[in-house]
Amino acid sequence: MNTWQMQEAKARLSEVVKLAELDGPQDITLHGRSVAVVLSRAAYQRLSGQRASLTDFMQASPLHGLEDELPFERNDSLTRDIGF
């Protein structure tokens, strides 16, 4: 984890945020004491337990909105016997 002094983190905030996304959490110190951590959105959601709903997941699918264009073929073969 990279450590940044508060003053430097303020001056280079965009770099701190990019590094949080690429390299992981970024530690912010004030007077030599760790006071904050900058996380990527993905890391925050993992840690906080926030998950997308099933509806959000389905709407994010590349197949969303293609209901009339998708050919779903049904297998009309007879069932088979299974021994128990």
C-alpha atoms as a PDB file:
ATOM      1  CA  MET A   1       0.000   0.000   0.000  1.00  0.00           C
ATOM      2  CA  ASN A   2       1.375   3.394  -0.971  1.00  0.00           C
ATOM      3  CA  THR A   3       1.516   6.044   1.753  1.00  0.00           C
ATOM      4  CA  TRP A   4       0.845   9.710   1.035  1.00  0.00           C
ATOM      5  CA  GLN A   5       1.173  12.726   3.281  1.00  0.00           C
ATOM      6  CA  MET A   6      -2.082  14.690   3.335  1.00  0.00           C
ATOM      7  CA  GLN A   7      -0.578  17.731   1.638  1.00  0.00           C
ATOM      8  CA  GLU A   8       0.880  15.622  -1.189  1.00  0.00           C
ATOM      9  CA  ALA A   9      -2.335  13.612  -1.582  1.00  0.00           C
ATOM     10  CA  LYS A  10      -4.342  16.832  -1.938  1.00  0.00           C
ATOM     11  CA  ALA A  11      -1.948  18.173  -4.557  1.00  0.00           C
ATOM     12  CA  ARG A  12      -1.921  14.896  -6.525  1.00  0.00           C
ATOM     13  CA  LEU A  13      -5.464  13.649  -5.914  1.00  0.00           C
ATOM     14  CA  SER A  14      -6.050  12.401  -9.472  1.00  0.00           C
ATOM     15  CA  GLU A  15      -2.881  10.282  -9.252  1.00  0.00           C
ATOM     16  CA  VAL A  16      -3.912   8.911  -5.838  1.00  0.00           C
ATOM     17  CA  VAL A  17      -7.313   7.905  -7.220  1.00  0.00           C
ATOM     18  CA  LYS A  18      -5.820   6.273 -10.327  1.00  0.00           C
ATOM     19  CA  LEU A  19      -3.350   4.322  -8.196  1.00  0.00           C
ATOM     20  CA  ALA A  20      -6.175   3.193  -5.901  1.00  0.00           C
ATOM     21  CA  GLU A  21      -7.890   1.709  -8.939  1.00  0.00           C
ATOM     22  CA  LEU A  22      -4.756   0.163 -10.453  1.00  0.00           C
ATOM     23  CA  ASP A  23      -2.581  -0.788  -7.465  1.00  0.00           C
ATOM     24  CA  GLY A  24      -4.974  -1.008  -4.536  1.00  0.00           C
ATOM     25  CA  PRO A  25      -5.642   1.058  -1.414  1.00  0.00           C
ATOM     26  CA  GLN A  26      -3.698   4.282  -0.845  1.00  0.00           C
ATOM     27  CA  ASP A  27      -2.915   5.301   2.746  1.00  0.00           C
ATOM     28  CA  ILE A  28      -3.185   8.999   3.695  1.00  0.00           C
ATOM     29  CA  THR A  29      -1.246  10.275   6.726  1.00  0.00           C
ATOM     30  CA  LEU A  30      -1.512  13.476   8.732  1.00  0.00           C
ATOM     31  CA  HIS A  31       1.384  14.377  11.049  1.00  0.00           C
ATOM     32  CA  GLY A  32       2.769  10.851  10.553  1.00  0.00           C
ATOM     33  CA  ARG A  33      -0.483   9.157  11.627  1.00  0.00           C
ATOM     34  CA  SER A  34      -2.631   7.150   9.200  1.00  0.00           C
ATOM     35  CA  VAL A  35      -5.995   8.938   8.960  1.00  0.00           C
ATOM     36  CA  ALA A  36      -7.629   7.711   5.747  1.00  0.00           C
ATOM     37  CA  VAL A  37      -7.473   5.158   2.958  1.00  0.00           C
ATOM     38  CA  VAL A  38      -8.484   5.800  -0.647  1.00  0.00           C
ATOM     39  CA  LEU A  39     -10.128   2.747  -2.259  1.00  0.00           C
ATOM     40  CA  SER A  40     -11.354   1.995  -5.743  1.00  0.00           C
ATOM     41  CA  ARG A  41     -15.137   1.721  -6.141  1.00  0.00           C
ATOM     42  CA  ALA A  42     -14.802  -2.030  -6.793  1.00  0.00           C
ATOM     43  CA  ALA A  43     -12.812  -2.575  -3.593  1.00  0.00           C
ATOM     44  CA  TYR A  44     -15.294  -0.525  -1.593  1.00  0.00           C
ATOM     45  CA  GLN A  45     -18.253  -2.508  -2.919  1.00  0.00           C
ATOM     46  CA  ARG A  46     -16.506  -5.807  -2.141  1.00  0.00           C
ATOM     47  CA  LEU A  47     -15.744  -4.708   1.414  1.00  0.00           C
ATOM     48  CA  SER A  48     -19.141  -3.157   2.094  1.00  0.00           C
ATOM     49  CA  GLY A  49     -21.073  -6.114   0.711  1.00  0.00           C
ATOM     50  CA  GLN A  50     -22.894  -4.012  -1.855  1.00  0.00           C
ATOM     51  CA  ARG A  51     -23.914  -6.187  -4.756  1.00  0.00           C
ATOM     52  CA  ALA A  52     -25.814  -5.351  -7.906  1.00  0.00           C
ATOM     53  CA  SER A  53     -29.389  -6.575  -7.975  1.00  0.00           C
ATOM     54  CA  LEU A  54     -30.464  -9.341 -10.344  1.00  0.00           C
ATOM     55  CA  THR A  55     -32.302  -6.722 -12.394  1.00  0.00           C
ATOM     56  CA  ASP A  56     -29.137  -4.626 -12.755  1.00  0.00           C
ATOM     57  CA  PHE A  57     -27.179  -7.738 -13.727  1.00  0.00           C
ATOM     58  CA  MET A  58     -29.721  -8.733 -16.391  1.00  0.00           C
ATOM     59  CA  GLN A  59     -29.932  -5.198 -17.789  1.00  0.00           C
ATOM     60  CA  ALA A  60     -26.135  -5.077 -18.092  1.00  0.00           C
ATOM     61  CA  SER A  61     -26.179  -8.191 -20.291  1.00  0.00           C
ATOM     62  CA  PRO A  62     -25.207  -7.679 -23.940  1.00  0.00           C
ATOM     63  CA  LEU A  63     -28.380  -9.634 -24.770  1.00  0.00           C
ATOM     64  CA  HIS A  64     -30.662  -7.105 -23.028  1.00  0.00           C
ATOM     65  CA  GLY A  65     -33.263  -5.770 -25.445  1.00  0.00           C
ATOM     66  CA  LEU A  66     -32.798  -8.512 -28.048  1.00  0.00           C
ATOM     67  CA  GLU A  67     -35.829 -10.637 -27.069  1.00  0.00           C
ATOM     68  CA  ASP A  68     -37.305 -10.762 -30.578  1.00  0.00           C
ATOM     69  CA  GLU A  69     -33.983 -11.407 -32.291  1.00  0.00           C
ATOM     70  CA  LEU A  70     -32.742 -14.417 -30.301  1.00  0.00           C
ATOM     71  CA  PRO A  71     -33.587 -17.799 -31.833  1.00  0.00           C
ATOM     72  CA  PHE A  72     -34.133 -20.261 -29.007  1.00  0.00           C
ATOM     73  CA  GLU A  73     -34.428 -23.755 -30.430  1.00  0.00           C
ATOM     74  CA  ARG A  74     -36.276 -26.371 -28.467  1.00  0.00           C
ATOM     75  CA  ASN A  75     -35.191 -30.005 -28.445  1.00  0.00           C
ATOM     76  CA  ASP A  76     -38.294 -32.036 -29.359  1.00  0.00           C
ATOM     77  CA  SER A  77     -36.685 -35.456 -28.878  1.00  0.00           C
ATOM     78  CA  LEU A  78     -38.409 -37.968 -26.632  1.00  0.00           C
ATOM     79  CA  THR A  79     -37.354 -38.350 -23.042  1.00  0.00           C
ATOM     80  CA  ARG A  80     -35.072 -41.189 -22.082  1.00  0.00           C
ATOM     81  CA  ASP A  81     -35.437 -43.799 -19.375  1.00  0.00           C
ATOM     82  CA  ILE A  82     -33.149 -43.432 -16.408  1.00  0.00           C
ATOM     83  CA  GLY A  83     -32.641 -46.323 -14.022  1.00  0.00           C
ATOM     84  CA  PHE A  84     -32.751 -45.617 -10.317  1.00  0.00           C
END
